[in-house]
C-alpha atoms as a PDB file:
ATOM      1  CA  MET A   1      -9.890  27.298  10.144  1.00  0.00           C
ATOM      2  CA  GLU A   2     -10.040  27.174   6.185  1.00  0.00           C
ATOM      3  CA  GLY A   3      -7.342  27.978   3.725  1.00  0.00           C
ATOM      4  CA  SER A   4      -6.994  28.268  -0.004  1.00  0.00           C
ATOM      5  CA  LEU A   5      -4.134  28.145  -2.316  1.00  0.00           C
ATOM      6  CA  THR A   6      -4.319  29.161  -6.302  1.00  0.00           C
ATOM      7  CA  LEU A   7      -1.969  27.437  -8.456  1.00  0.00           C
ATOM      8  CA  TRP A   8      -1.178  28.708 -11.988  1.00  0.00           C
ATOM      9  CA  LEU A   9       0.479  26.667 -14.547  1.00  0.00           C
ATOM     10  CA  PRO A  10       2.429  27.973 -17.643  1.00  0.00           C
ATOM     11  CA  ASP A  11      -0.029  27.321 -20.969  1.00  0.00           C
ATOM     12  CA  VAL A  12       2.567  24.928 -22.298  1.00  0.00           C
ATOM     13  CA  TRP A  13       1.261  22.491 -19.386  1.00  0.00           C
ATOM     14  CA  PRO A  14      -2.550  22.041 -19.746  1.00  0.00           C
ATOM     15  CA  LEU A  15      -4.177  19.850 -17.338  1.00  0.00           C
ATOM     16  CA  GLN A  16      -6.828  17.429 -18.086  1.00  0.00           C
ATOM     17  CA  LYS A  17      -9.748  16.351 -15.906  1.00  0.00           C
ATOM     18  CA  HIS A  18     -10.436  12.879 -14.982  1.00  0.00           C
ATOM     19  CA  ARG A  19     -13.381  11.042 -13.056  1.00  0.00           C
ATOM     20  CA  HIS A  20     -12.005   9.201 -10.069  1.00  0.00           C
ATOM     21  CA  PRO A  21     -12.980   5.492 -11.058  1.00  0.00           C
ATOM     22  CA  TRP A  22     -13.967   5.284  -7.036  1.00  0.00           C
ATOM     23  CA  GLY A  23     -15.610   8.515  -7.068  1.00  0.00           C
ATOM     24  CA  ARG A  24     -19.086   8.947  -5.064  1.00  0.00           C
ATOM     25  CA  THR A  25     -22.416   9.371  -6.527  1.00  0.00           C
ATOM     26  CA  TYR A  26     -23.579  12.509  -4.311  1.00  0.00           C
ATOM     27  CA  ARG A  27     -26.987  11.418  -4.796  1.00  0.00           C
ATOM     28  CA  GLU A  28     -28.962  10.029  -2.247  1.00  0.00           C
ATOM     29  CA  GLY A  29     -30.356   6.309  -2.568  1.00  0.00           C
ATOM     30  CA  LYS A  30     -27.973   5.935  -5.707  1.00  0.00           C
ATOM     31  CA  LEU A  31     -24.565   3.857  -4.857  1.00  0.00           C
ATOM     32  CA  ALA A  32     -21.515   4.005  -7.208  1.00  0.00           C
ATOM     33  CA  ARG A  33     -20.670   0.576  -8.446  1.00  0.00           C
ATOM     34  CA  TRP A  34     -17.580   0.231  -6.248  1.00  0.00           C
ATOM     35  CA  GLU A  35     -19.984   0.510  -3.455  1.00  0.00           C
ATOM     36  CA  TYR A  36     -21.845  -2.725  -4.142  1.00  0.00           C
ATOM     37  CA  ASP A  37     -19.608  -4.691  -6.635  1.00  0.00           C
ATOM     38  CA  GLU A  38     -16.688  -6.201  -4.877  1.00  0.00           C
ATOM     39  CA  SER A  39     -15.157  -7.029  -8.463  1.00  0.00           C
ATOM     40  CA  TYR A  40     -15.388  -3.928  -9.516  1.00  0.00           C
ATOM     41  CA  CYS A  41     -11.375  -3.531  -9.851  1.00  0.00           C
ATOM     42  CA  GLU A  42     -11.146  -6.184 -12.244  1.00  0.00           C
ATOM     43  CA  ALA A  43     -13.917  -3.651 -14.345  1.00  0.00           C
ATOM     44  CA  VAL A  44     -11.246  -1.064 -13.900  1.00  0.00           C
ATOM     45  CA  LYS A  45      -8.503  -2.926 -14.924  1.00  0.00           C
ATOM     46  CA  LYS A  46      -9.818  -3.338 -18.570  1.00  0.00           C
ATOM     47  CA  MET A  47     -10.584   0.400 -19.068  1.00  0.00           C
ATOM     48  CA  PRO A  48      -7.895   2.900 -20.277  1.00  0.00           C
ATOM     49  CA  PRO A  49      -5.787   4.355 -18.747  1.00  0.00           C
ATOM     50  CA  TYR A  50      -5.964   1.450 -15.939  1.00  0.00           C
ATOM     51  CA  ASP A  51      -5.498  -1.346 -18.391  1.00  0.00           C
ATOM     52  CA  ALA A  52      -1.529  -0.789 -18.321  1.00  0.00           C
ATOM     53  CA  GLY A  53       0.857   1.435 -17.189  1.00  0.00           C
ATOM     54  CA  PRO A  54       1.101   3.193 -13.808  1.00  0.00           C
ATOM     55  CA  ARG A  55      -2.264   4.929 -13.549  1.00  0.00           C
ATOM     56  CA  LEU A  56      -3.984   2.166 -11.387  1.00  0.00           C
ATOM     57  CA  LEU A  57      -1.179   2.384  -8.976  1.00  0.00           C
ATOM     58  CA  ASP A  58      -1.387   5.974  -8.899  1.00  0.00           C
ATOM     59  CA  VAL A  59      -5.173   5.890  -7.936  1.00  0.00           C
ATOM     60  CA  ILE A  60      -4.163   3.346  -4.885  1.00  0.00           C
ATOM     61  CA  ASP A  61      -1.366   5.341  -3.709  1.00  0.00           C
ATOM     62  CA  THR A  62      -3.890   8.622  -3.710  1.00  0.00           C
ATOM     63  CA  ALA A  63      -6.392   6.348  -1.922  1.00  0.00           C
ATOM     64  CA  VAL A  64      -4.074   5.781   0.730  1.00  0.00           C
ATOM     65  CA  PHE A  65      -3.213   9.380   0.705  1.00  0.00           C
ATOM     66  CA  ASP A  66      -6.550  10.190   1.113  1.00  0.00           C
ATOM     67  CA  TYR A  67      -7.622   8.019   3.724  1.00  0.00           C
ATOM     68  CA  LEU A  68      -4.528   9.357   5.978  1.00  0.00           C
ATOM     69  CA  ILE A  69      -5.737  12.798   5.807  1.00  0.00           C
ATOM     70  CA  GLY A  70      -9.341  11.972   5.722  1.00  0.00           C
ATOM     71  CA  ASN A  71     -10.260  13.204   2.161  1.00  0.00           C
ATOM     72  CA  ALA A  72     -13.559  11.258   1.350  1.00  0.00           C
ATOM     73  CA  ASP A  73     -14.397  13.686  -1.420  1.00  0.00           C
ATOM     74  CA  ARG A  74     -11.942  12.404  -4.479  1.00  0.00           C
ATOM     75  CA  HIS A  75     -14.256  12.727  -7.400  1.00  0.00           C
ATOM     76  CA  HIS A  76     -11.713  13.747  -9.943  1.00  0.00           C
ATOM     77  CA  TYR A  77      -8.230  14.111 -10.475  1.00  0.00           C
ATOM     78  CA  GLU A  78      -6.067  16.035 -13.358  1.00  0.00           C
ATOM     79  CA  SER A  79      -2.921  14.832 -15.308  1.00  0.00           C
ATOM     80  CA  PHE A  80      -1.047  16.745 -18.033  1.00  0.00           C
ATOM     81  CA  GLN A  81      -3.218  16.890 -21.039  1.00  0.00           C
ATOM     82  CA  ASP A  82      -2.158  14.581 -24.021  1.00  0.00           C
ATOM     83  CA  ASP A  83       0.259  12.299 -21.990  1.00  0.00           C
ATOM     84  CA  GLY A  84      -1.293   9.304 -23.299  1.00  0.00           C
ATOM     85  CA  GLY A  85      -1.492   8.198 -19.527  1.00  0.00           C
ATOM     86  CA  ALA A  86       1.728   8.344 -18.655  1.00  0.00           C
ATOM     87  CA  SER A  87       1.999  11.337 -16.206  1.00  0.00           C
ATOM     88  CA  MET A  88       1.468  11.293 -12.552  1.00  0.00           C
ATOM     89  CA  LEU A  89      -1.819  11.993 -10.766  1.00  0.00           C
ATOM     90  CA  ILE A  90      -2.217  15.953  -9.941  1.00  0.00           C
ATOM     91  CA  LEU A  91      -3.901  16.147  -6.965  1.00  0.00           C
ATOM     92  CA  LEU A  92      -5.450  19.801  -6.674  1.00  0.00           C
ATOM     93  CA  ASP A  93      -8.482  19.535  -4.468  1.00  0.00           C
ATOM     94  CA  ASN A  94      -7.900  18.341  -0.722  1.00  0.00           C
ATOM     95  CA  ALA A  95     -10.558  20.605   0.593  1.00  0.00           C
ATOM     96  CA  LYS A  96     -12.251  18.107   2.876  1.00  0.00           C
ATOM     97  CA  SER A  97      -9.064  16.930   4.703  1.00  0.00           C
ATOM     98  CA  PHE A  98      -8.357  16.860   8.334  1.00  0.00           C
ATOM     99  CA  GLY A  99     -12.019  17.026   9.303  1.00  0.00           C
ATOM    100  CA  ASN A 100     -13.002  14.764  12.098  1.00  0.00           C
ATOM    101  CA  PRO A 101     -10.230  13.098  13.504  1.00  0.00           C
ATOM    102  CA  ALA A 102     -12.452  10.430  15.267  1.00  0.00           C
ATOM    103  CA  LEU A 103     -13.619   9.301  11.879  1.00  0.00           C
ATOM    104  CA  ASP A 104     -12.088   6.876   9.823  1.00  0.00           C
ATOM    105  CA  GLU A 105     -13.903   6.193   6.608  1.00  0.00           C
ATOM    106  CA  ARG A 106     -12.659   3.092   5.550  1.00  0.00           C
ATOM    107  CA  SER A 107     -14.279   3.235   2.141  1.00  0.00           C
ATOM    108  CA  ILE A 108     -11.663   5.642   1.001  1.00  0.00           C
ATOM    109  CA  LEU A 109      -9.150   2.831   0.757  1.00  0.00           C
ATOM    110  CA  ALA A 110     -11.873   0.636  -1.578  1.00  0.00           C
ATOM    111  CA  PRO A 111      -8.981   0.809  -4.566  1.00  0.00           C
ATOM    112  CA  LEU A 112      -6.625  -0.601  -2.212  1.00  0.00           C
ATOM    113  CA  TYR A 113      -8.834  -3.300  -0.818  1.00  0.00           C
ATOM    114  CA  GLN A 114     -10.446  -4.153  -4.148  1.00  0.00           C
ATOM    115  CA  CYS A 115      -7.523  -4.504  -6.262  1.00  0.00           C
ATOM    116  CA  CYS A 116      -5.277  -5.832  -3.489  1.00  0.00           C
ATOM    117  CA  MET A 117      -2.103  -4.301  -4.954  1.00  0.00           C
ATOM    118  CA  ILE A 118       0.338  -1.274  -3.831  1.00  0.00           C
ATOM    119  CA  ARG A 119       3.709  -0.076  -5.029  1.00  0.00           C
ATOM    120  CA  VAL A 120       6.479  -1.952  -3.039  1.00  0.00           C
ATOM    121  CA  SER A 121       7.854   1.760  -2.572  1.00  0.00           C
ATOM    122  CA  THR A 122       4.603   3.007  -1.099  1.00  0.00           C
ATOM    123  CA  TRP A 123       4.633  -0.309   1.201  1.00  0.00           C
ATOM    124  CA  ASN A 124       7.962   0.200   2.539  1.00  0.00           C
ATOM    125  CA  ARG A 125       7.485   4.183   2.938  1.00  0.00           C
ATOM    126  CA  LEU A 126       4.055   2.967   5.081  1.00  0.00           C
ATOM    127  CA  ASN A 127       6.203   0.580   6.981  1.00  0.00           C
ATOM    128  CA  PHE A 128       8.984   2.998   7.635  1.00  0.00           C
ATOM    129  CA  LEU A 129       6.319   5.697   8.846  1.00  0.00           C
ATOM    130  CA  LYS A 130       4.829   3.301  11.463  1.00  0.00           C
ATOM    131  CA  GLY A 131       4.834   3.405  15.310  1.00  0.00           C
ATOM    132  CA  GLY A 132       4.516   7.336  15.614  1.00  0.00           C
ATOM    133  CA  VAL A 133       6.944   8.188  13.195  1.00  0.00           C
ATOM    134  CA  LEU A 134       4.535   9.699  10.876  1.00  0.00           C
ATOM    135  CA  SER A 135       2.913  11.960  13.560  1.00  0.00           C
ATOM    136  CA  SER A 136       6.296  12.811  14.600  1.00  0.00           C
ATOM    137  CA  ALA A 137       7.415  13.853  11.173  1.00  0.00           C
ATOM    138  CA  MET A 138       4.410  16.058  10.673  1.00  0.00           C
ATOM    139  CA  ARG A 139       4.684  17.503  13.948  1.00  0.00           C
ATOM    140  CA  GLN A 140       8.401  18.350  13.153  1.00  0.00           C
ATOM    141  CA  ALA A 141       7.694  19.673   9.371  1.00  0.00           C
ATOM    142  CA  LEU A 142       4.816  21.737  10.887  1.00  0.00           C
ATOM    143  CA  ALA A 143       6.623  23.236  13.731  1.00  0.00           C
ATOM    144  CA  PHE A 144       8.002  26.480  12.483  1.00  0.00           C
ATOM    145  CA  ASP A 145       5.054  27.171  10.212  1.00  0.00           C
ATOM    146  CA  PRO A 146       3.493  30.585  10.399  1.00  0.00           C
ATOM    147  CA  ILE A 147       0.234  29.261  11.298  1.00  0.00           C
ATOM    148  CA  TYR A 148       1.685  26.763  13.832  1.00  0.00           C
ATOM    149  CA  PRO A 149       0.205  24.196  14.819  1.00  0.00           C
ATOM    150  CA  VAL A 150      -1.591  23.682  11.483  1.00  0.00           C
ATOM    151  CA  LEU A 151      -2.607  20.371  12.682  1.00  0.00           C
ATOM    152  CA  ALA A 152      -4.188  19.421  16.175  1.00  0.00           C
ATOM    153  CA  GLU A 153      -2.593  16.620  18.293  1.00  0.00           C
ATOM    154  CA  SER A 154      -6.039  14.443  17.410  1.00  0.00           C
ATOM    155  CA  HIS A 155      -5.287  14.829  13.907  1.00  0.00           C
ATOM    156  CA  LEU A 156      -1.398  13.512  14.440  1.00  0.00           C
ATOM    157  CA  ALA A 157      -3.128  10.878  16.312  1.00  0.00           C
ATOM    158  CA  ALA A 158      -5.485  10.099  13.469  1.00  0.00           C
ATOM    159  CA  LEU A 159      -2.661   9.878  11.037  1.00  0.00           C
ATOM    160  CA  ASP A 160      -0.835   7.176  13.215  1.00  0.00           C
ATOM    161  CA  ARG A 161      -3.985   4.916  13.518  1.00  0.00           C
ATOM    162  CA  ARG A 162      -5.238   5.209  10.070  1.00  0.00           C
ATOM    163  CA  LEU A 163      -1.599   4.312   8.740  1.00  0.00           C
ATOM    164  CA  THR A 164      -2.202   1.258  10.973  1.00  0.00           C
ATOM    165  CA  GLY A 165      -5.528   0.258   9.196  1.00  0.00           C
ATOM    166  CA  VAL A 166      -3.632   0.776   5.550  1.00  0.00           C
ATOM    167  CA  ILE A 167      -0.795  -1.770   6.720  1.00  0.00           C
ATOM    168  CA  THR A 168      -3.403  -4.038   8.078  1.00  0.00           C
ATOM    169  CA  THR A 169      -5.415  -3.851   4.781  1.00  0.00           C
ATOM    170  CA  VAL A 170      -2.161  -4.430   3.034  1.00  0.00           C
ATOM    171  CA  LYS A 171      -1.331  -7.602   5.193  1.00  0.00           C
ATOM    172  CA  GLN A 172      -4.885  -9.046   4.597  1.00  0.00           C
ATOM    173  CA  CYS A 173      -4.410  -8.832   0.813  1.00  0.00           C
ATOM    174  CA  ILE A 174      -0.945 -10.400   1.269  1.00  0.00           C
ATOM    175  CA  GLU A 175      -2.530 -13.471   2.925  1.00  0.00           C
ATOM    176  CA  ALA A 176      -5.261 -13.793   0.647  1.00  0.00           C
ATOM    177  CA  GLN A 177      -3.177 -13.480  -2.571  1.00  0.00           C
ATOM    178  CA  GLY A 178       0.500 -13.614  -1.622  1.00  0.00           C
ATOM    179  CA  PRO A 179       3.140 -11.133  -1.681  1.00  0.00           C
ATOM    180  CA  ASP A 180       4.023 -11.535  -5.225  1.00  0.00           C
ATOM    181  CA  ASN A 181       0.342 -10.466  -6.612  1.00  0.00           C
ATOM    182  CA  THR A 182       0.019  -7.741  -3.905  1.00  0.00           C
ATOM    183  CA  LEU A 183       3.398  -6.012  -3.888  1.00  0.00           C
ATOM    184  CA  ILE A 184       4.163  -4.533  -7.312  1.00  0.00           C
ATOM    185  CA  GLU A 185       7.345  -3.050  -8.542  1.00  0.00           C
ATOM    186  CA  ASP A 186       7.371   0.656  -9.156  1.00  0.00           C
ATOM    187  CA  ARG A 187       8.502   0.199 -12.784  1.00  0.00           C
ATOM    188  CA  MET A 188       6.881  -2.745 -13.739  1.00  0.00           C
ATOM    189  CA  ASN A 189       4.374  -2.072 -16.909  1.00  0.00           C
ATOM    190  CA  LEU A 190       1.270  -3.485 -15.853  1.00  0.00           C
ATOM    191  CA  PRO A 191      -0.695  -5.359 -18.351  1.00  0.00           C
ATOM    192  CA  HIS A 192      -3.612  -6.472 -16.271  1.00  0.00           C
ATOM    193  CA  PRO A 193      -5.260  -9.515 -16.906  1.00  0.00           C
END
């Protein structure tokens, strides 16, 4: 089943489109730099708007979200125009989500495992949702939707399985570089080295 949603924003809120730094090339035989350069995050940290402020952490949060829903197609994102890199990411295109529940496309997590950093609040929320809490919450939230069941049980199971994969990835980062370098306070201004 497919669906579509149209969003109209007032003219006073113009959006700006940005290429996702971990976007795919979509050309046969041509890899994006992040796909072959394990130190790619270090280059991203030197490019505005990822060199300071919350934008890089927003991209990492987006990678976690996309991995959970199975969306390997995040090649652009939007923000409010003329915000100086300060506004949140706006995720408008989630069309390839909840496709094959048996496929866990780990490359979606590249921003997380290459940068090895995540917000403390995201980490805490992920830990709160483990052990079946995420699928249970989704099942409950969707129970009264007019097109119930919305997600098949296999997709709900995939959410829990993928969440375990995210938590494992963060734990590997903590083991490799310590919690102080991996778990970033939410309001911290990030001048990246």
